[in-house]
Amino acid sequence: QYISEVAVNWGSWSIGEATVRLMKLALSDPDISYLHVISGQDWITQNVDDLYQRFENDTKIYMTYEKASEVKKSGEPIIWWQKYYFNYDQINRRTFFGKFYHR
């Protein structure tokens, strides 16, 4: 199913927001018992029926999370990366200013 409630920008929170909305939509269907969240770089190379069989009786949760306020990247709080470096929801990278700002 395709929905377009969120304008998704590379490297921005909009990716997470769209993912959460899609998960909520999927989980509202009682026939859906689990989800696979993959990105374009994680394209499925296995037959879908084989993939289904692999996870049919697998109850393990493979997704983990950490609070952004407690994680550092290159010595900086990772929340700064979202706030200052990957704020593509606020500044359009395709404008002259956006290209200058993000360089």
Protein backbone atom coordinates (compact mmCIF):
# COMPACT_ATOMS: atom_id res chain seq x y z
CA GLN A 1 0.00 0.00 0.00
CA TYR A 2 1.24 3.47 -0.86
CA ILE A 3 0.59 6.54 1.28
CA SER A 4 2.03 10.03 0.85
CA GLU A 5 1.18 11.89 4.04
CA VAL A 6 4.82 12.78 4.69
CA ALA A 7 7.24 14.52 2.35
CA VAL A 8 10.34 12.37 2.89
CA ASN A 9 13.74 14.04 2.66
CA TRP A 10 17.01 12.13 2.67
CA GLY A 11 18.77 12.20 6.04
CA SER A 12 15.87 13.82 7.88
CA TRP A 13 13.42 12.86 10.59
CA SER A 14 10.75 12.56 7.89
CA ILE A 15 12.16 9.07 7.12
CA GLY A 16 11.50 7.99 10.71
CA GLU A 17 8.11 9.66 10.78
CA ALA A 18 7.01 7.91 7.57
CA THR A 19 8.29 4.57 8.93
CA VAL A 20 6.37 4.96 12.20
CA ARG A 21 3.18 5.90 10.32
CA LEU A 22 3.52 2.90 8.01
CA MET A 23 4.12 0.58 10.98
CA LYS A 24 1.00 1.89 12.72
CA LEU A 25 -1.01 1.44 9.54
CA ALA A 26 0.27 -2.09 9.06
CA LEU A 27 -0.32 -3.08 12.68
CA SER A 28 -3.93 -1.84 12.51
CA ASP A 29 -4.60 -4.88 10.29
CA PRO A 30 -5.20 -7.92 12.55
CA ASP A 31 -3.90 -10.26 9.80
CA ILE A 32 -0.40 -8.75 10.06
CA SER A 33 1.69 -10.34 12.79
CA TYR A 34 5.16 -8.95 12.06
CA LEU A 35 6.96 -6.34 9.98
CA HIS A 36 10.26 -6.16 8.15
CA VAL A 37 11.73 -2.67 7.91
CA ILE A 38 14.33 -2.47 5.16
CA SER A 39 15.93 0.34 3.21
CA GLY A 40 16.91 0.50 -0.43
CA GLN A 41 20.38 -0.78 0.36
CA ASP A 42 18.83 -3.83 2.05
CA TRP A 43 16.93 -5.04 -0.98
CA ILE A 44 15.61 -8.58 -0.61
CA THR A 45 17.70 -11.10 -2.54
CA GLN A 46 15.79 -14.10 -1.29
CA ASN A 47 12.54 -15.49 -2.65
CA VAL A 48 9.65 -13.90 -0.71
CA ASP A 49 8.12 -17.31 0.10
CA ASP A 50 11.47 -18.50 1.54
CA LEU A 51 11.74 -15.31 3.57
CA TYR A 52 8.22 -15.80 4.87
CA GLN A 53 9.00 -19.38 5.93
CA ARG A 54 12.19 -18.29 7.70
CA PHE A 55 10.30 -15.87 9.94
CA GLU A 56 7.02 -17.80 10.26
CA ASN A 57 7.92 -19.25 13.67
CA ASP A 58 10.66 -16.79 14.62
CA THR A 59 9.64 -14.64 17.59
CA LYS A 60 12.94 -12.78 17.96
CA ILE A 61 12.84 -8.98 17.66
CA TYR A 62 15.79 -7.82 15.59
CA MET A 63 15.24 -4.06 15.92
CA THR A 64 16.92 -2.21 18.76
CA TYR A 65 17.00 1.42 19.79
CA GLU A 66 18.92 3.84 21.94
CA LYS A 67 17.96 7.29 23.18
CA ALA A 68 19.65 9.86 20.94
CA SER A 69 20.48 11.98 23.98
CA GLU A 70 22.72 9.16 25.27
CA VAL A 71 24.63 8.37 22.06
CA LYS A 72 27.74 10.10 20.69
CA LYS A 73 29.13 10.03 17.15
CA SER A 74 32.63 11.34 16.48
CA GLY A 75 32.67 12.65 20.06
CA GLU A 76 29.50 14.74 19.64
CA PRO A 77 26.01 14.02 20.92
CA ILE A 78 24.24 12.32 18.01
CA ILE A 79 21.23 14.55 18.56
CA TRP A 80 23.39 17.44 17.25
CA TRP A 81 23.80 15.56 13.96
CA GLN A 82 20.04 15.48 13.55
CA LYS A 83 19.57 19.05 14.76
CA TYR A 84 22.39 20.78 12.86
CA TYR A 85 23.73 18.51 10.11
CA PHE A 86 20.71 16.55 8.93
CA ASN A 87 17.96 19.11 9.36
CA TYR A 88 16.69 18.56 5.83
CA ASP A 89 13.09 18.92 7.01
CA GLN A 90 13.73 22.62 7.66
CA ILE A 91 16.20 23.56 4.91
CA ASN A 92 15.70 22.45 1.32
CA ARG A 93 19.03 21.12 0.01
CA ARG A 94 18.00 21.81 -3.58
CA THR A 95 17.93 25.58 -3.20
CA PHE A 96 21.07 27.71 -3.55
CA PHE A 97 21.02 28.47 0.18
CA GLY A 98 20.43 24.79 1.01
CA LYS A 99 23.42 23.69 -1.09
CA PHE A 100 25.61 26.34 0.52
CA TYR A 101 24.37 25.57 4.04
CA HIS A 102 24.89 21.83 3.80
CA ARG A 103 28.38 22.11 2.32
